Amino acid sequence: MEGLFQPMHLIVILVIIGFVVVPWIQIFRKAGYSGWLSVLIFIPLINLATLFWFAFSRWPIEKEAERLRMGAGAPIVP
């Protein structure tokens, strides 16, 4: 009987991983980082360091927005 439940366990584990990883990928992408950084959440202690780095650093999207506000992104008109 145990052999019948193993494929179901694998499916459940993959669904749970999907529910954890997919939102992190979207968050990293919207912040301007690579979605591959979401893999770091599976490494103990590195996941905490990544969380603090992500929470307290300036995101690339913030830098770009600031550059656009300062007029650096405006086209040059002769």
PDB file of N, CA and C in Angstrom:
ATOM      1  N   MET A   1       0.808  -1.202   0.000  1.00  0.00           N
ATOM      2  CA  MET A   1       0.000   0.000   0.000  1.00  0.00           C
ATOM      3  C   MET A   1       0.851   1.266   0.000  1.00  0.00           C
ATOM      4  N   GLU A   2       2.022   1.190   0.605  1.00  0.00           N
ATOM      5  CA  GLU A   2       2.864   2.380   0.709  1.00  0.00           C
ATOM      6  C   GLU A   2       3.280   2.893  -0.669  1.00  0.00           C
ATOM      7  N   GLY A   3       3.515   2.003  -1.601  1.00  0.00           N
ATOM      8  CA  GLY A   3       3.955   2.399  -2.933  1.00  0.00           C
ATOM      9  C   GLY A   3       2.918   3.215  -3.684  1.00  0.00           C
ATOM     10  N   LEU A   4       1.637   3.055  -3.335  1.00  0.00           N
ATOM     11  CA  LEU A   4       0.580   3.799  -4.011  1.00  0.00           C
ATOM     12  C   LEU A   4       0.582   5.270  -3.627  1.00  0.00           C
ATOM     13  N   PHE A   5       1.058   5.581  -2.452  1.00  0.00           N
ATOM     14  CA  PHE A   5       1.005   6.960  -1.967  1.00  0.00           C
ATOM     15  C   PHE A   5       2.229   7.783  -2.365  1.00  0.00           C
ATOM     16  N   GLN A   6       3.281   7.172  -2.802  1.00  0.00           N
ATOM     17  CA  GLN A   6       4.494   7.924  -3.126  1.00  0.00           C
ATOM     18  C   GLN A   6       4.299   8.911  -4.274  1.00  0.00           C
ATOM     19  N   PRO A   7       3.661   8.548  -5.381  1.00  0.00           N
ATOM     20  CA  PRO A   7       3.447   9.556  -6.436  1.00  0.00           C
ATOM     21  C   PRO A   7       2.581  10.715  -5.948  1.00  0.00           C
ATOM     22  N   MET A   8       1.600  10.427  -5.108  1.00  0.00           N
ATOM     23  CA  MET A   8       0.752  11.490  -4.587  1.00  0.00           C
ATOM     24  C   MET A   8       1.546  12.424  -3.681  1.00  0.00           C
ATOM     25  N   HIS A   9       2.450  11.869  -2.876  1.00  0.00           N
ATOM     26  CA  HIS A   9       3.302  12.706  -2.028  1.00  0.00           C
ATOM     27  C   HIS A   9       4.163  13.620  -2.886  1.00  0.00           C
ATOM     28  N   LEU A  10       4.694  13.089  -3.976  1.00  0.00           N
ATOM     29  CA  LEU A  10       5.525  13.899  -4.872  1.00  0.00           C
ATOM     30  C   LEU A  10       4.722  15.043  -5.475  1.00  0.00           C
ATOM     31  N   ILE A  11       3.506  14.767  -5.875  1.00  0.00           N
ATOM     32  CA  ILE A  11       2.649  15.815  -6.448  1.00  0.00           C
ATOM     33  C   ILE A  11       2.347  16.889  -5.407  1.00  0.00           C
ATOM     34  N   VAL A  12       2.044  16.479  -4.195  1.00  0.00           N
ATOM     35  CA  VAL A  12       1.743  17.436  -3.127  1.00  0.00           C
ATOM     36  C   VAL A  12       2.967  18.302  -2.832  1.00  0.00           C
ATOM     37  N   ILE A  13       4.130  17.699  -2.771  1.00  0.00           N
ATOM     38  CA  ILE A  13       5.359  18.454  -2.504  1.00  0.00           C
ATOM     39  C   ILE A  13       5.626  19.459  -3.618  1.00  0.00           C
ATOM     40  N   LEU A  14       5.452  19.054  -4.865  1.00  0.00           N
ATOM     41  CA  LEU A  14       5.670  19.967  -5.991  1.00  0.00           C
ATOM     42  C   LEU A  14       4.673  21.122  -5.988  1.00  0.00           C
ATOM     43  N   VAL A  15       3.435  20.849  -5.620  1.00  0.00           N
ATOM     44  CA  VAL A  15       2.430  21.921  -5.539  1.00  0.00           C
ATOM     45  C   VAL A  15       2.795  22.907  -4.434  1.00  0.00           C
ATOM     46  N   ILE A  16       3.218  22.401  -3.291  1.00  0.00           N
ATOM     47  CA  ILE A  16       3.612  23.278  -2.178  1.00  0.00           C
ATOM     48  C   ILE A  16       4.816  24.127  -2.575  1.00  0.00           C
ATOM     49  N   ILE A  17       5.801  23.514  -3.206  1.00  0.00           N
ATOM     50  CA  ILE A  17       6.972  24.272  -3.663  1.00  0.00           C
ATOM     51  C   ILE A  17       6.552  25.344  -4.659  1.00  0.00           C
ATOM     52  N   GLY A  18       5.625  24.989  -5.542  1.00  0.00           N
ATOM     53  CA  GLY A  18       5.123  25.970  -6.502  1.00  0.00           C
ATOM     54  C   GLY A  18       4.462  27.156  -5.827  1.00  0.00           C
ATOM     55  N   PHE A  19       3.682  26.892  -4.775  1.00  0.00           N
ATOM     56  CA  PHE A  19       3.022  27.977  -4.056  1.00  0.00           C
ATOM     57  C   PHE A  19       4.010  28.845  -3.287  1.00  0.00           C
ATOM     58  N   VAL A  20       5.169  28.338  -2.982  1.00  0.00           N
ATOM     59  CA  VAL A  20       6.184  29.110  -2.267  1.00  0.00           C
ATOM     60  C   VAL A  20       7.075  29.864  -3.245  1.00  0.00           C
ATOM     61  N   VAL A  21       7.515  29.209  -4.303  1.00  0.00           N
ATOM     62  CA  VAL A  21       8.515  29.786  -5.192  1.00  0.00           C
ATOM     63  C   VAL A  21       7.923  30.809  -6.164  1.00  0.00           C
ATOM     64  N   VAL A  22       6.776  30.528  -6.739  1.00  0.00           N
ATOM     65  CA  VAL A  22       6.210  31.410  -7.769  1.00  0.00           C
ATOM     66  C   VAL A  22       5.985  32.833  -7.251  1.00  0.00           C
ATOM     67  N   PRO A  23       5.403  33.032  -6.076  1.00  0.00           N
ATOM     68  CA  PRO A  23       5.271  34.421  -5.600  1.00  0.00           C
ATOM     69  C   PRO A  23       6.618  35.113  -5.392  1.00  0.00           C
ATOM     70  N   TRP A  24       7.616  34.374  -4.883  1.00  0.00           N
ATOM     71  CA  TRP A  24       8.929  34.985  -4.688  1.00  0.00           C
ATOM     72  C   TRP A  24       9.549  35.387  -6.022  1.00  0.00           C
ATOM     73  N   ILE A  25       9.375  34.559  -7.052  1.00  0.00           N
ATOM     74  CA  ILE A  25       9.895  34.897  -8.380  1.00  0.00           C
ATOM     75  C   ILE A  25       9.258  36.194  -8.858  1.00  0.00           C
ATOM     76  N   GLN A  26       7.953  36.320  -8.698  1.00  0.00           N
ATOM     77  CA  GLN A  26       7.267  37.537  -9.131  1.00  0.00           C
ATOM     78  C   GLN A  26       7.725  38.761  -8.335  1.00  0.00           C
ATOM     79  N   ILE A  27       7.925  38.597  -7.044  1.00  0.00           N
ATOM     80  CA  ILE A  27       8.382  39.716  -6.220  1.00  0.00           C
ATOM     81  C   ILE A  27       9.768  40.176  -6.657  1.00  0.00           C
ATOM     82  N   PHE A  28      10.682  39.230  -6.854  1.00  0.00           N
ATOM     83  CA  PHE A  28      12.028  39.596  -7.284  1.00  0.00           C
ATOM     84  C   PHE A  28      12.001  40.264  -8.653  1.00  0.00           C
ATOM     85  N   ARG A  29      11.211  39.756  -9.574  1.00  0.00           N
ATOM     86  CA  ARG A  29      11.140  40.347 -10.913  1.00  0.00           C
ATOM     87  C   ARG A  29      10.578  41.758 -10.879  1.00  0.00           C
ATOM     88  N   LYS A  30       9.519  41.963 -10.101  1.00  0.00           N
ATOM     89  CA  LYS A  30       8.915  43.297 -10.022  1.00  0.00           C
ATOM     90  C   LYS A  30       9.848  44.297  -9.364  1.00  0.00           C
ATOM     91  N   ALA A  31      10.736  43.809  -8.518  1.00  0.00           N
ATOM     92  CA  ALA A  31      11.704  44.694  -7.871  1.00  0.00           C
ATOM     93  C   ALA A  31      12.891  44.994  -8.779  1.00  0.00           C
ATOM     94  N   GLY A  32      13.010  44.263  -9.886  1.00  0.00           N
ATOM     95  CA  GLY A  32      14.099  44.519 -10.816  1.00  0.00           C
ATOM     96  C   GLY A  32      15.243  43.530 -10.710  1.00  0.00           C
ATOM     97  N   TYR A  33      15.079  42.478  -9.944  1.00  0.00           N
ATOM     98  CA  TYR A  33      16.110  41.454  -9.792  1.00  0.00           C
ATOM     99  C   TYR A  33      15.745  40.225 -10.609  1.00  0.00           C
ATOM    100  N   SER A  34      16.684  39.316 -10.735  1.00  0.00           N
ATOM    101  CA  SER A  34      16.442  38.061 -11.429  1.00  0.00           C
ATOM    102  C   SER A  34      15.531  37.163 -10.586  1.00  0.00           C
ATOM    103  N   GLY A  35      14.627  36.456 -11.244  1.00  0.00           N
ATOM    104  CA  GLY A  35      13.750  35.529 -10.554  1.00  0.00           C
ATOM    105  C   GLY A  35      14.487  34.354  -9.941  1.00  0.00           C
ATOM    106  N   TRP A  36      15.707  34.091 -10.433  1.00  0.00           N
ATOM    107  CA  TRP A  36      16.507  32.989  -9.911  1.00  0.00           C
ATOM    108  C   TRP A  36      16.929  33.215  -8.462  1.00  0.00           C
ATOM    109  N   LEU A  37      16.865  34.434  -7.986  1.00  0.00           N
ATOM    110  CA  LEU A  37      17.204  34.694  -6.583  1.00  0.00           C
ATOM    111  C   LEU A  37      16.232  33.992  -5.620  1.00  0.00           C
ATOM    112  N   SER A  38      15.071  33.635  -6.130  1.00  0.00           N
ATOM    113  CA  SER A  38      14.098  32.953  -5.276  1.00  0.00           C
ATOM    114  C   SER A  38      14.587  31.572  -4.837  1.00  0.00           C
ATOM    115  N   VAL A  39      15.561  31.007  -5.531  1.00  0.00           N
ATOM    116  CA  VAL A  39      16.125  29.708  -5.146  1.00  0.00           C
ATOM    117  C   VAL A  39      16.842  29.821  -3.799  1.00  0.00           C
ATOM    118  N   LEU A  40      17.314  31.009  -3.462  1.00  0.00           N
ATOM    119  CA  LEU A  40      18.041  31.204  -2.209  1.00  0.00           C
ATOM    120  C   LEU A  40      17.168  30.988  -0.976  1.00  0.00           C
ATOM    121  N   ILE A  41      15.844  31.020  -1.133  1.00  0.00           N
ATOM    122  CA  ILE A  41      14.977  30.836   0.027  1.00  0.00           C
ATOM    123  C   ILE A  41      15.009  29.408   0.552  1.00  0.00           C
ATOM    124  N   PHE A  42      15.586  28.480  -0.206  1.00  0.00           N
ATOM    125  CA  PHE A  42      15.668  27.095   0.233  1.00  0.00           C
ATOM    126  C   PHE A  42      16.957  26.777   0.984  1.00  0.00           C
ATOM    127  N   ILE A  43      17.896  27.725   1.058  1.00  0.00           N
ATOM    128  CA  ILE A  43      19.175  27.493   1.726  1.00  0.00           C
ATOM    129  C   ILE A  43      19.109  28.119   3.121  1.00  0.00           C
ATOM    130  N   PRO A  44      19.207  27.305   4.172  1.00  0.00           N
ATOM    131  CA  PRO A  44      19.115  27.848   5.530  1.00  0.00           C
ATOM    132  C   PRO A  44      20.186  28.913   5.790  1.00  0.00           C
ATOM    133  N   LEU A  45      19.827  29.909   6.537  1.00  0.00           N
ATOM    134  CA  LEU A  45      20.633  31.082   6.908  1.00  0.00           C
ATOM    135  C   LEU A  45      20.856  32.016   5.722  1.00  0.00           C
ATOM    136  N   ILE A  46      21.087  31.469   4.541  1.00  0.00           N
ATOM    137  CA  ILE A  46      21.199  32.326   3.357  1.00  0.00           C
ATOM    138  C   ILE A  46      19.842  32.965   3.077  1.00  0.00           C
ATOM    139  N   ASN A  47      18.753  32.230   3.348  1.00  0.00           N
ATOM    140  CA  ASN A  47      17.433  32.802   3.121  1.00  0.00           C
ATOM    141  C   ASN A  47      17.187  34.013   4.032  1.00  0.00           C
ATOM    142  N   LEU A  48      17.676  33.972   5.260  1.00  0.00           N
ATOM    143  CA  LEU A  48      17.531  35.125   6.155  1.00  0.00           C
ATOM    144  C   LEU A  48      18.373  36.301   5.680  1.00  0.00           C
ATOM    145  N   ALA A  49      19.596  36.012   5.253  1.00  0.00           N
ATOM    146  CA  ALA A  49      20.459  37.074   4.729  1.00  0.00           C
ATOM    147  C   ALA A  49      19.838  37.697   3.479  1.00  0.00           C
ATOM    148  N   THR A  50      19.262  36.871   2.621  1.00  0.00           N
ATOM    149  CA  THR A  50      18.611  37.378   1.409  1.00  0.00           C
ATOM    150  C   THR A  50      17.410  38.245   1.770  1.00  0.00           C
ATOM    151  N   LEU A  51      16.643  37.819   2.753  1.00  0.00           N
ATOM    152  CA  LEU A  51      15.488  38.594   3.185  1.00  0.00           C
ATOM    153  C   LEU A  51      15.905  39.980   3.673  1.00  0.00           C
ATOM    154  N   PHE A  52      16.930  40.044   4.527  1.00  0.00           N
ATOM    155  CA  PHE A  52      17.377  41.340   5.035  1.00  0.00           C
ATOM    156  C   PHE A  52      18.002  42.189   3.939  1.00  0.00           C
ATOM    157  N   TRP A  53      18.780  41.573   3.051  1.00  0.00           N
ATOM    158  CA  TRP A  53      19.369  42.316   1.927  1.00  0.00           C
ATOM    159  C   TRP A  53      18.262  42.879   1.047  1.00  0.00           C
ATOM    160  N   PHE A  54      17.269  42.056   0.757  1.00  0.00           N
ATOM    161  CA  PHE A  54      16.179  42.470  -0.116  1.00  0.00           C
ATOM    162  C   PHE A  54      15.339  43.559   0.537  1.00  0.00           C
ATOM    163  N   ALA A  55      15.135  43.472   1.837  1.00  0.00           N
ATOM    164  CA  ALA A  55      14.290  44.432   2.538  1.00  0.00           C
ATOM    165  C   ALA A  55      14.957  45.798   2.706  1.00  0.00           C
ATOM    166  N   PHE A  56      16.267  45.829   2.887  1.00  0.00           N
ATOM    167  CA  PHE A  56      16.926  47.086   3.247  1.00  0.00           C
ATOM    168  C   PHE A  56      17.827  47.678   2.163  1.00  0.00           C
ATOM    169  N   SER A  57      17.942  47.037   1.016  1.00  0.00           N
ATOM    170  CA  SER A  57      18.757  47.611  -0.060  1.00  0.00           C
ATOM    171  C   SER A  57      17.873  48.429  -0.998  1.00  0.00           C
ATOM    172  N   ARG A  58      18.511  49.253  -1.808  1.00  0.00           N
ATOM    173  CA  ARG A  58      17.777  49.997  -2.831  1.00  0.00           C
ATOM    174  C   ARG A  58      17.591  49.077  -4.019  1.00  0.00           C
ATOM    175  N   TRP A  59      16.352  48.921  -4.434  1.00  0.00           N
ATOM    176  CA  TRP A  59      16.049  48.043  -5.551  1.00  0.00           C
ATOM    177  C   TRP A  59      16.394  48.724  -6.868  1.00  0.00           C
ATOM    178  N   PRO A  60      16.759  47.952  -7.879  1.00  0.00           N
ATOM    179  CA  PRO A  60      17.054  48.544  -9.193  1.00  0.00           C
ATOM    180  C   PRO A  60      15.885  49.364  -9.737  1.00  0.00           C
ATOM    181  N   ILE A  61      14.666  48.947  -9.482  1.00  0.00           N
ATOM    182  CA  ILE A  61      13.509  49.682  -9.977  1.00  0.00           C
ATOM    183  C   ILE A  61      13.396  51.044  -9.287  1.00  0.00           C
ATOM    184  N   GLU A  62      13.804  51.125  -8.023  1.00  0.00           N
ATOM    185  CA  GLU A  62      13.804  52.414  -7.325  1.00  0.00           C
ATOM    186  C   GLU A  62      14.857  53.349  -7.914  1.00  0.00           C
ATOM    187  N   LYS A  63      16.015  52.805  -8.223  1.00  0.00           N
ATOM    188  CA  LYS A  63      17.073  53.614  -8.823  1.00  0.00           C
ATOM    189  C   LYS A  63      16.626  54.162 -10.171  1.00  0.00           C
ATOM    190  N   GLU A  64      15.958  53.332 -10.960  1.00  0.00           N
ATOM    191  CA  GLU A  64      15.489  53.771 -12.274  1.00  0.00           C
ATOM    192  C   GLU A  64      14.400  54.834 -12.140  1.00  0.00           C
ATOM    193  N   ALA A  65      13.496  54.651 -11.193  1.00  0.00           N
ATOM    194  CA  ALA A  65      12.440  55.640 -10.975  1.00  0.00           C
ATOM    195  C   ALA A  65      13.038  56.977 -10.525  1.00  0.00           C
ATOM    196  N   GLU A  66      14.023  56.937  -9.669  1.00  0.00           N
ATOM    197  CA  GLU A  66      14.671  58.169  -9.221  1.00  0.00           C
ATOM    198  C   GLU A  66      15.376  58.865 -10.386  1.00  0.00           C
ATOM    199  N   ARG A  67      16.035  58.079 -11.228  1.00  0.00           N
ATOM    200  CA  ARG A  67      16.710  58.640 -12.394  1.00  0.00           C
ATOM    201  C   ARG A  67      15.700  59.311 -13.325  1.00  0.00           C
ATOM    202  N   LEU A  68      14.545  58.698 -13.503  1.00  0.00           N
ATOM    203  CA  LEU A  68      13.522  59.277 -14.366  1.00  0.00           C
ATOM    204  C   LEU A  68      12.927  60.540 -13.754  1.00  0.00           C
ATOM    205  N   ARG A  69      12.766  60.558 -12.425  1.00  0.00           N
ATOM    206  CA  ARG A  69      12.249  61.756 -11.755  1.00  0.00           C
ATOM    207  C   ARG A  69      13.212  62.928 -11.872  1.00  0.00           C
ATOM    208  N   MET A  70      14.499  62.630 -11.885  1.00  0.00           N
ATOM    209  CA  MET A  70      15.504  63.683 -11.960  1.00  0.00           C
ATOM    210  C   MET A  70      15.647  64.217 -13.385  1.00  0.00           C
ATOM    211  N   GLY A  71      14.995  63.599 -14.350  1.00  0.00           N
ATOM    212  CA  GLY A  71      15.045  64.079 -15.720  1.00  0.00           C
ATOM    213  C   GLY A  71      16.113  63.419 -16.558  1.00  0.00           C
ATOM    214  N   ALA A  72      16.816  62.451 -16.004  1.00  0.00           N
ATOM    215  CA  ALA A  72      17.871  61.793 -16.762  1.00  0.00           C
ATOM    216  C   ALA A  72      17.305  60.931 -17.879  1.00  0.00           C
ATOM    217  N   GLY A  73      16.052  60.537 -17.772  1.00  0.00           N
ATOM    218  CA  GLY A  73      15.442  59.701 -18.798  1.00  0.00           C
ATOM    219  C   GLY A  73      14.704  60.501 -19.850  1.00  0.00           C
ATOM    220  N   ALA A  74      14.655  61.828 -19.680  1.00  0.00           N
ATOM    221  CA  ALA A  74      13.928  62.665 -20.635  1.00  0.00           C
ATOM    222  C   ALA A  74      14.736  62.792 -21.932  1.00  0.00           C
ATOM    223  N   PRO A  75      14.037  62.769 -23.049  1.00  0.00           N
ATOM    224  CA  PRO A  75      14.763  62.918 -24.325  1.00  0.00           C
ATOM    225  C   PRO A  75      15.349  64.321 -24.470  1.00  0.00           C
ATOM    226  N   ILE A  76      16.461  64.404 -25.117  1.00  0.00           N
ATOM    227  CA  ILE A  76      17.128  65.692 -25.336  1.00  0.00           C
ATOM    228  C   ILE A  76      16.544  66.332 -26.581  1.00  0.00           C
ATOM    229  N   VAL A  77      15.995  67.546 -26.405  1.00  0.00           N
ATOM    230  CA  VAL A  77      15.376  68.270 -27.519  1.00  0.00           C
ATOM    231  C   VAL A  77      16.346  69.364 -27.932  1.00  0.00           C
ATOM    232  N   PRO A  78      16.734  69.412 -29.233  1.00  0.00           N
ATOM    233  CA  PRO A  78      17.671  70.466 -29.681  1.00  0.00           C
ATOM    234  C   PRO A  78      17.047  71.834 -29.733  1.00  0.00           C
TER     235      PRO A  78
END
